[in-house]
Amino acid sequence: MISGTLSTPPRSSANETPVVYIVDDDESMREALGGLLRSIGLRVEAFESPNQFLSFSKYDVPSCLILDVRLRGESGLTFQRDIVKAGLQIPILFITGYGDMEMSVRAMKAGALDFFPKPFRDQDMLDAVAHALKHDGERIATERTLTAVKISYSSLTPREKEVLGFVLAGLMNKQIASEMSLSEITVKIHRGQMMKKMESRSVADLVRKAEAIHVPPNHPKSP
């Protein structure tokens, strides 16, 4: 069971270098892996226990976790399940000196990206880390885009949100004006402000953003 916390705030850093976390109770393995990863310019943070990893404030950059299956007094597979249940989104690569097919299948079903029995080829590990960091980078980019869209939407006035809903339903300005009991000129002003705040240059782009944050269309009430 996890006895640490997964809610430590991320570290903000001007250094956007991806980071690889290592959790392994074997000091020689931590040093060997750390040296390999640093040799290609990656930032490395190594820990001998899950609790040390949990208490460390994570960097807000693409990252992955290299996790030993058999830790002193703990199971890496159990720790993986706890990480997933707690909502910590980080790609996991497993390493083990006692690996078997059952362990590998369990790890992959639980969301691990790869599984390496010791000894493994350095290049295989580097390739897997590169894939994991790319995967996490795409996730972060998507989350940041969604956050920006949510902020833009929250900046809309009630009128602008209402206009947006009608635009999503496919109504023209004249129809929206009728639904809202406004002049068409007023609707055009609200629509222009709404498009500007949503940073959308086309209706298609506006629809994609609205769908991404689950904004529903505002269907007309009049027949």
C-alpha atoms as a PDB file:
ATOM      1  CA  MET A   1       0.000   0.000   0.000  1.00  0.00           C
ATOM      2  CA  ILE A   2       1.095   3.576  -0.592  1.00  0.00           C
ATOM      3  CA  SER A   3       1.967   5.344   2.628  1.00  0.00           C
ATOM      4  CA  GLY A   4       3.273   8.508   1.002  1.00  0.00           C
ATOM      5  CA  THR A   5       1.345  11.104  -0.954  1.00  0.00           C
ATOM      6  CA  LEU A   6       0.671  11.523  -4.645  1.00  0.00           C
ATOM      7  CA  SER A   7      -0.592  15.069  -4.343  1.00  0.00           C
ATOM      8  CA  THR A   8       2.700  16.955  -3.948  1.00  0.00           C
ATOM      9  CA  PRO A   9       2.592  19.973  -6.284  1.00  0.00           C
ATOM     10  CA  PRO A  10       4.809  19.757  -9.386  1.00  0.00           C
ATOM     11  CA  ARG A  11       8.045  21.687  -9.506  1.00  0.00           C
ATOM     12  CA  SER A  12       8.006  24.605 -11.896  1.00  0.00           C
ATOM     13  CA  SER A  13      11.303  24.875 -13.722  1.00  0.00           C
ATOM     14  CA  ALA A  14      12.663  26.866 -16.621  1.00  0.00           C
ATOM     15  CA  ASN A  15      14.629  23.724 -17.470  1.00  0.00           C
ATOM     16  CA  GLU A  16      12.360  21.729 -19.787  1.00  0.00           C
ATOM     17  CA  THR A  17      14.752  18.751 -19.951  1.00  0.00           C
ATOM     18  CA  PRO A  18      12.733  15.523 -19.559  1.00  0.00           C
ATOM     19  CA  VAL A  19      13.290  13.628 -16.332  1.00  0.00           C
ATOM     20  CA  VAL A  20      13.510   9.905 -15.676  1.00  0.00           C
ATOM     21  CA  TYR A  21      12.681   8.651 -12.188  1.00  0.00           C
ATOM     22  CA  ILE A  22      14.247   5.404 -11.021  1.00  0.00           C
ATOM     23  CA  VAL A  23      12.931   3.349  -8.099  1.00  0.00           C
ATOM     24  CA  ASP A  24      15.232   0.418  -7.310  1.00  0.00           C
ATOM     25  CA  ASP A  25      16.633  -0.767  -3.977  1.00  0.00           C
ATOM     26  CA  ASP A  26      19.846  -1.904  -5.707  1.00  0.00           C
ATOM     27  CA  GLU A  27      22.290   1.021  -5.489  1.00  0.00           C
ATOM     28  CA  SER A  28      24.537  -0.320  -8.244  1.00  0.00           C
ATOM     29  CA  MET A  29      21.561  -0.553 -10.624  1.00  0.00           C
ATOM     30  CA  ARG A  30      20.454   2.979  -9.767  1.00  0.00           C
ATOM     31  CA  GLU A  31      23.931   4.288 -10.491  1.00  0.00           C
ATOM     32  CA  ALA A  32      24.317   2.309 -13.716  1.00  0.00           C
ATOM     33  CA  LEU A  33      20.929   3.386 -15.073  1.00  0.00           C
ATOM     34  CA  GLY A  34      21.452   6.957 -13.940  1.00  0.00           C
ATOM     35  CA  GLY A  35      24.814   7.137 -15.706  1.00  0.00           C
ATOM     36  CA  LEU A  36      23.371   5.665 -18.907  1.00  0.00           C
ATOM     37  CA  LEU A  37      20.484   8.137 -19.023  1.00  0.00           C
ATOM     38  CA  ARG A  38      22.568  11.163 -18.079  1.00  0.00           C
ATOM     39  CA  SER A  39      24.990  10.284 -20.883  1.00  0.00           C
ATOM     40  CA  ILE A  40      22.306  11.275 -23.407  1.00  0.00           C
ATOM     41  CA  GLY A  41      21.405  14.481 -21.592  1.00  0.00           C
ATOM     42  CA  LEU A  42      18.432  13.372 -19.534  1.00  0.00           C
ATOM     43  CA  ARG A  43      17.753  14.502 -15.985  1.00  0.00           C
ATOM     44  CA  VAL A  44      17.610  11.606 -13.528  1.00  0.00           C
ATOM     45  CA  GLU A  45      16.167  11.326 -10.018  1.00  0.00           C
ATOM     46  CA  ALA A  46      16.802   7.975  -8.326  1.00  0.00           C
ATOM     47  CA  PHE A  47      15.198   6.518  -5.195  1.00  0.00           C
ATOM     48  CA  GLU A  48      15.599   3.283  -3.254  1.00  0.00           C
ATOM     49  CA  SER A  49      11.953   3.068  -2.167  1.00  0.00           C
ATOM     50  CA  PRO A  50       8.461   4.018  -3.400  1.00  0.00           C
ATOM     51  CA  ASN A  51       7.932   6.310  -0.409  1.00  0.00           C
ATOM     52  CA  GLN A  52      11.010   8.355  -1.302  1.00  0.00           C
ATOM     53  CA  PHE A  53       9.675   8.721  -4.839  1.00  0.00           C
ATOM     54  CA  LEU A  54       6.211   9.726  -3.612  1.00  0.00           C
ATOM     55  CA  SER A  55       7.509  12.403  -1.253  1.00  0.00           C
ATOM     56  CA  PHE A  56       9.607  13.997  -4.022  1.00  0.00           C
ATOM     57  CA  SER A  57       7.895  16.951  -5.737  1.00  0.00           C
ATOM     58  CA  LYS A  58       7.755  15.993  -9.427  1.00  0.00           C
ATOM     59  CA  TYR A  59       8.947  18.202 -12.266  1.00  0.00           C
ATOM     60  CA  ASP A  60       6.301  19.551 -14.624  1.00  0.00           C
ATOM     61  CA  VAL A  61       8.041  18.145 -17.709  1.00  0.00           C
ATOM     62  CA  PRO A  62       7.774  14.932 -19.757  1.00  0.00           C
ATOM     63  CA  SER A  63       8.860  12.078 -17.525  1.00  0.00           C
ATOM     64  CA  CYS A  64       8.757   8.328 -16.981  1.00  0.00           C
ATOM     65  CA  LEU A  65       9.373   5.901 -14.150  1.00  0.00           C
ATOM     66  CA  ILE A  66      11.745   2.948 -14.265  1.00  0.00           C
ATOM     67  CA  LEU A  67      10.512   0.618 -11.533  1.00  0.00           C
ATOM     68  CA  ASP A  68      11.996  -2.610 -10.182  1.00  0.00           C
ATOM     69  CA  VAL A  69       9.443  -5.411  -9.783  1.00  0.00           C
ATOM     70  CA  ARG A  70      10.967  -6.736  -6.569  1.00  0.00           C
ATOM     71  CA  LEU A  71      11.691  -4.075  -3.983  1.00  0.00           C
ATOM     72  CA  ARG A  72      12.812  -4.645  -0.417  1.00  0.00           C
ATOM     73  CA  GLY A  73       9.631  -5.545   1.466  1.00  0.00           C
ATOM     74  CA  GLU A  74       7.375  -4.313  -1.341  1.00  0.00           C
ATOM     75  CA  SER A  75       6.067  -5.326  -4.754  1.00  0.00           C
ATOM     76  CA  GLY A  76       6.637  -3.048  -7.716  1.00  0.00           C
ATOM     77  CA  LEU A  77       3.508  -4.469  -9.355  1.00  0.00           C
ATOM     78  CA  THR A  78       1.409  -3.542  -6.312  1.00  0.00           C
ATOM     79  CA  PHE A  79       2.950  -0.080  -6.293  1.00  0.00           C
ATOM     80  CA  GLN A  80       2.079   0.266  -9.990  1.00  0.00           C
ATOM     81  CA  ARG A  81      -1.585  -0.524  -9.253  1.00  0.00           C
ATOM     82  CA  ASP A  82      -1.637   2.024  -6.434  1.00  0.00           C
ATOM     83  CA  ILE A  83      -0.115   4.672  -8.714  1.00  0.00           C
ATOM     84  CA  VAL A  84      -2.798   4.062 -11.341  1.00  0.00           C
ATOM     85  CA  LYS A  85      -5.629   4.090  -8.783  1.00  0.00           C
ATOM     86  CA  ALA A  86      -4.335   7.343  -7.286  1.00  0.00           C
ATOM     87  CA  GLY A  87      -4.323   9.039 -10.695  1.00  0.00           C
ATOM     88  CA  LEU A  88      -0.596   9.726 -11.037  1.00  0.00           C
ATOM     89  CA  GLN A  89      -0.115   9.724 -14.794  1.00  0.00           C
ATOM     90  CA  ILE A  90       3.408   8.612 -15.607  1.00  0.00           C
ATOM     91  CA  PRO A  91       4.625   5.960 -18.076  1.00  0.00           C
ATOM     92  CA  ILE A  92       6.194   3.002 -16.253  1.00  0.00           C
ATOM     93  CA  LEU A  93       9.005   0.751 -17.467  1.00  0.00           C
ATOM     94  CA  PHE A  94       9.603  -2.349 -15.354  1.00  0.00           C
ATOM     95  CA  ILE A  95      12.946  -4.040 -14.737  1.00  0.00           C
ATOM     96  CA  THR A  96      13.498  -7.281 -12.856  1.00  0.00           C
ATOM     97  CA  GLY A  97      16.064  -9.939 -12.251  1.00  0.00           C
ATOM     98  CA  TYR A  98      13.321 -12.488 -11.614  1.00  0.00           C
ATOM     99  CA  GLY A  99      11.008 -11.780 -14.495  1.00  0.00           C
ATOM    100  CA  ASP A 100       8.630 -14.316 -15.959  1.00  0.00           C
ATOM    101  CA  MET A 101       5.825 -14.200 -18.495  1.00  0.00           C
ATOM    102  CA  GLU A 102       3.098 -13.899 -15.845  1.00  0.00           C
ATOM    103  CA  MET A 103       4.747 -10.826 -14.309  1.00  0.00           C
ATOM    104  CA  SER A 104       5.181  -9.250 -17.719  1.00  0.00           C
ATOM    105  CA  VAL A 105       1.539  -9.806 -18.665  1.00  0.00           C
ATOM    106  CA  ARG A 106       0.301  -8.412 -15.339  1.00  0.00           C
ATOM    107  CA  ALA A 107       2.490  -5.322 -15.677  1.00  0.00           C
ATOM    108  CA  MET A 108       1.435  -4.610 -19.252  1.00  0.00           C
ATOM    109  CA  LYS A 109      -2.272  -5.139 -18.484  1.00  0.00           C
ATOM    110  CA  ALA A 110      -1.947  -2.625 -15.650  1.00  0.00           C
ATOM    111  CA  GLY A 111      -0.588  -0.033 -18.065  1.00  0.00           C
ATOM    112  CA  ALA A 112       3.194  -0.498 -18.117  1.00  0.00           C
ATOM    113  CA  LEU A 113       4.810   0.526 -21.399  1.00  0.00           C
ATOM    114  CA  ASP A 114       7.585  -2.061 -21.290  1.00  0.00           C
ATOM    115  CA  PHE A 115       9.183  -4.825 -19.221  1.00  0.00           C
ATOM    116  CA  PHE A 116      12.916  -5.622 -19.087  1.00  0.00           C
ATOM    117  CA  PRO A 117      14.397  -8.771 -17.532  1.00  0.00           C
ATOM    118  CA  LYS A 118      17.946  -8.140 -16.269  1.00  0.00           C
ATOM    119  CA  PRO A 119      20.397  -7.958 -17.907  1.00  0.00           C
ATOM    120  CA  PHE A 120      19.012  -5.790 -20.711  1.00  0.00           C
ATOM    121  CA  ARG A 121      20.683  -4.050 -23.638  1.00  0.00           C
ATOM    122  CA  ASP A 122      21.419  -0.385 -23.009  1.00  0.00           C
ATOM    123  CA  GLN A 123      20.008   0.607 -26.394  1.00  0.00           C
ATOM    124  CA  ASP A 124      16.758  -1.248 -25.732  1.00  0.00           C
ATOM    125  CA  MET A 125      16.310   0.719 -22.508  1.00  0.00           C
ATOM    126  CA  LEU A 126      17.197   4.026 -24.195  1.00  0.00           C
ATOM    127  CA  ASP A 127      14.694   3.340 -26.980  1.00  0.00           C
ATOM    128  CA  ALA A 128      11.958   2.500 -24.450  1.00  0.00           C
ATOM    129  CA  VAL A 129      12.690   5.626 -22.407  1.00  0.00           C
ATOM    130  CA  ALA A 130      12.564   7.789 -25.550  1.00  0.00           C
ATOM    131  CA  HIS A 131       9.165   6.298 -26.427  1.00  0.00           C
ATOM    132  CA  ALA A 132       7.853   6.804 -22.877  1.00  0.00           C
ATOM    133  CA  LEU A 133       8.999  10.443 -22.761  1.00  0.00           C
ATOM    134  CA  LYS A 134       7.410  11.141 -26.153  1.00  0.00           C
ATOM    135  CA  HIS A 135       4.163   9.568 -24.925  1.00  0.00           C
ATOM    136  CA  ASP A 136       4.179  11.673 -21.747  1.00  0.00           C
ATOM    137  CA  GLY A 137       5.091  14.817 -23.663  1.00  0.00           C
ATOM    138  CA  GLU A 138       2.036  14.364 -25.875  1.00  0.00           C
ATOM    139  CA  ARG A 139      -0.157  13.878 -22.792  1.00  0.00           C
ATOM    140  CA  ILE A 140       1.180  17.063 -21.180  1.00  0.00           C
ATOM    141  CA  ALA A 141       0.684  19.063 -24.386  1.00  0.00           C
ATOM    142  CA  THR A 142      -2.918  17.861 -24.631  1.00  0.00           C
ATOM    143  CA  GLU A 143      -3.612  18.712 -20.988  1.00  0.00           C
ATOM    144  CA  ARG A 144      -2.115  22.184 -21.347  1.00  0.00           C
ATOM    145  CA  THR A 145      -4.197  22.829 -24.464  1.00  0.00           C
ATOM    146  CA  LEU A 146      -7.367  21.738 -22.668  1.00  0.00           C
ATOM    147  CA  THR A 147      -6.510  23.920 -19.693  1.00  0.00           C
ATOM    148  CA  ALA A 148      -6.060  26.932 -21.975  1.00  0.00           C
ATOM    149  CA  VAL A 149      -9.421  26.257 -23.653  1.00  0.00           C
ATOM    150  CA  LYS A 150     -11.154  25.942 -20.269  1.00  0.00           C
ATOM    151  CA  ILE A 151      -9.662  29.251 -19.154  1.00  0.00           C
ATOM    152  CA  SER A 152     -10.831  30.904 -22.376  1.00  0.00           C
ATOM    153  CA  TYR A 153     -14.343  29.501 -21.925  1.00  0.00           C
ATOM    154  CA  SER A 154     -14.517  30.662 -18.308  1.00  0.00           C
ATOM    155  CA  SER A 155     -13.712  34.207 -19.481  1.00  0.00           C
ATOM    156  CA  LEU A 156     -16.891  34.363 -21.569  1.00  0.00           C
ATOM    157  CA  THR A 157     -19.842  36.379 -20.332  1.00  0.00           C
ATOM    158  CA  PRO A 158     -23.205  34.585 -19.905  1.00  0.00           C
ATOM    159  CA  ARG A 159     -24.408  36.154 -23.165  1.00  0.00           C
ATOM    160  CA  GLU A 160     -21.293  35.010 -25.013  1.00  0.00           C
ATOM    161  CA  LYS A 161     -21.708  31.466 -23.670  1.00  0.00           C
ATOM    162  CA  GLU A 162     -25.321  31.488 -24.850  1.00  0.00           C
ATOM    163  CA  VAL A 163     -24.254  32.636 -28.309  1.00  0.00           C
ATOM    164  CA  LEU A 164     -21.582  29.927 -28.356  1.00  0.00           C
ATOM    165  CA  GLY A 165     -24.202  27.289 -27.582  1.00  0.00           C
ATOM    166  CA  PHE A 166     -26.362  28.422 -30.484  1.00  0.00           C
ATOM    167  CA  VAL A 167     -23.349  28.518 -32.831  1.00  0.00           C
ATOM    168  CA  LEU A 168     -22.593  24.933 -31.834  1.00  0.00           C
ATOM    169  CA  ALA A 169     -26.190  24.042 -32.699  1.00  0.00           C
ATOM    170  CA  GLY A 170     -25.609  25.417 -36.213  1.00  0.00           C
ATOM    171  CA  LEU A 171     -27.731  28.572 -35.972  1.00  0.00           C
ATOM    172  CA  MET A 172     -26.987  31.660 -38.057  1.00  0.00           C
ATOM    173  CA  ASN A 173     -26.770  35.128 -36.505  1.00  0.00           C
ATOM    174  CA  LYS A 174     -30.304  36.013 -37.534  1.00  0.00           C
ATOM    175  CA  GLN A 175     -31.676  32.859 -35.900  1.00  0.00           C
ATOM    176  CA  ILE A 176     -29.612  33.449 -32.760  1.00  0.00           C
ATOM    177  CA  ALA A 177     -30.931  36.996 -32.573  1.00  0.00           C
ATOM    178  CA  SER A 178     -34.483  35.672 -32.702  1.00  0.00           C
ATOM    179  CA  GLU A 179     -33.805  33.084 -29.999  1.00  0.00           C
ATOM    180  CA  MET A 180     -32.169  35.633 -27.680  1.00  0.00           C
ATOM    181  CA  SER A 181     -34.533  38.515 -28.497  1.00  0.00           C
ATOM    182  CA  LEU A 182     -31.583  40.661 -29.546  1.00  0.00           C
ATOM    183  CA  SER A 183     -30.715  42.609 -32.655  1.00  0.00           C
ATOM    184  CA  GLU A 184     -28.552  40.851 -35.224  1.00  0.00           C
ATOM    185  CA  ILE A 185     -25.891  43.544 -34.736  1.00  0.00           C
ATOM    186  CA  THR A 186     -25.751  42.813 -31.015  1.00  0.00           C
ATOM    187  CA  VAL A 187     -25.403  39.086 -31.708  1.00  0.00           C
ATOM    188  CA  LYS A 188     -22.546  39.817 -34.109  1.00  0.00           C
ATOM    189  CA  ILE A 189     -20.768  41.799 -31.385  1.00  0.00           C
ATOM    190  CA  HIS A 190     -21.199  39.013 -28.816  1.00  0.00           C
ATOM    191  CA  ARG A 191     -20.119  36.422 -31.367  1.00  0.00           C
ATOM    192  CA  GLY A 192     -17.027  38.396 -32.331  1.00  0.00           C
ATOM    193  CA  GLN A 193     -15.982  38.789 -28.698  1.00  0.00           C
ATOM    194  CA  MET A 194     -16.656  35.112 -28.050  1.00  0.00           C
ATOM    195  CA  MET A 195     -14.543  34.012 -31.034  1.00  0.00           C
ATOM    196  CA  LYS A 196     -11.728  36.326 -29.939  1.00  0.00           C
ATOM    197  CA  LYS A 197     -11.702  35.040 -26.360  1.00  0.00           C
ATOM    198  CA  MET A 198     -11.812  31.427 -27.576  1.00  0.00           C
ATOM    199  CA  GLU A 199      -8.948  32.219 -29.962  1.00  0.00           C
ATOM    200  CA  SER A 200     -10.852  30.638 -32.826  1.00  0.00           C
ATOM    201  CA  ARG A 201     -10.617  31.903 -36.399  1.00  0.00           C
ATOM    202  CA  SER A 202     -13.227  29.512 -37.752  1.00  0.00           C
ATOM    203  CA  VAL A 203     -16.394  27.789 -36.625  1.00  0.00           C
ATOM    204  CA  ALA A 204     -14.720  24.412 -37.192  1.00  0.00           C
ATOM    205  CA  ASP A 205     -11.924  25.310 -34.770  1.00  0.00           C
ATOM    206  CA  LEU A 206     -14.469  26.639 -32.278  1.00  0.00           C
ATOM    207  CA  VAL A 207     -16.473  23.405 -32.468  1.00  0.00           C
ATOM    208  CA  ARG A 208     -13.339  21.277 -31.876  1.00  0.00           C
ATOM    209  CA  LYS A 209     -12.432  23.287 -28.789  1.00  0.00           C
ATOM    210  CA  ALA A 210     -15.967  23.229 -27.422  1.00  0.00           C
ATOM    211  CA  GLU A 211     -16.223  19.461 -27.910  1.00  0.00           C
ATOM    212  CA  ALA A 212     -12.857  18.972 -26.180  1.00  0.00           C
ATOM    213  CA  ILE A 213     -14.195  20.558 -22.989  1.00  0.00           C
ATOM    214  CA  HIS A 214     -17.709  19.121 -23.405  1.00  0.00           C
ATOM    215  CA  VAL A 215     -19.630  22.335 -24.031  1.00  0.00           C
ATOM    216  CA  PRO A 216     -23.123  21.281 -25.237  1.00  0.00           C
ATOM    217  CA  PRO A 217     -24.985  22.964 -28.099  1.00  0.00           C
ATOM    218  CA  ASN A 218     -27.877  25.239 -27.212  1.00  0.00           C
ATOM    219  CA  HIS A 219     -30.731  23.985 -29.346  1.00  0.00           C
ATOM    220  CA  PRO A 220     -33.418  26.517 -30.334  1.00  0.00           C
ATOM    221  CA  LYS A 221     -36.651  26.551 -28.386  1.00  0.00           C
ATOM    222  CA  SER A 222     -38.777  28.198 -31.039  1.00  0.00           C
ATOM    223  CA  PRO A 223     -40.307  25.970 -33.758  1.00  0.00           C
END
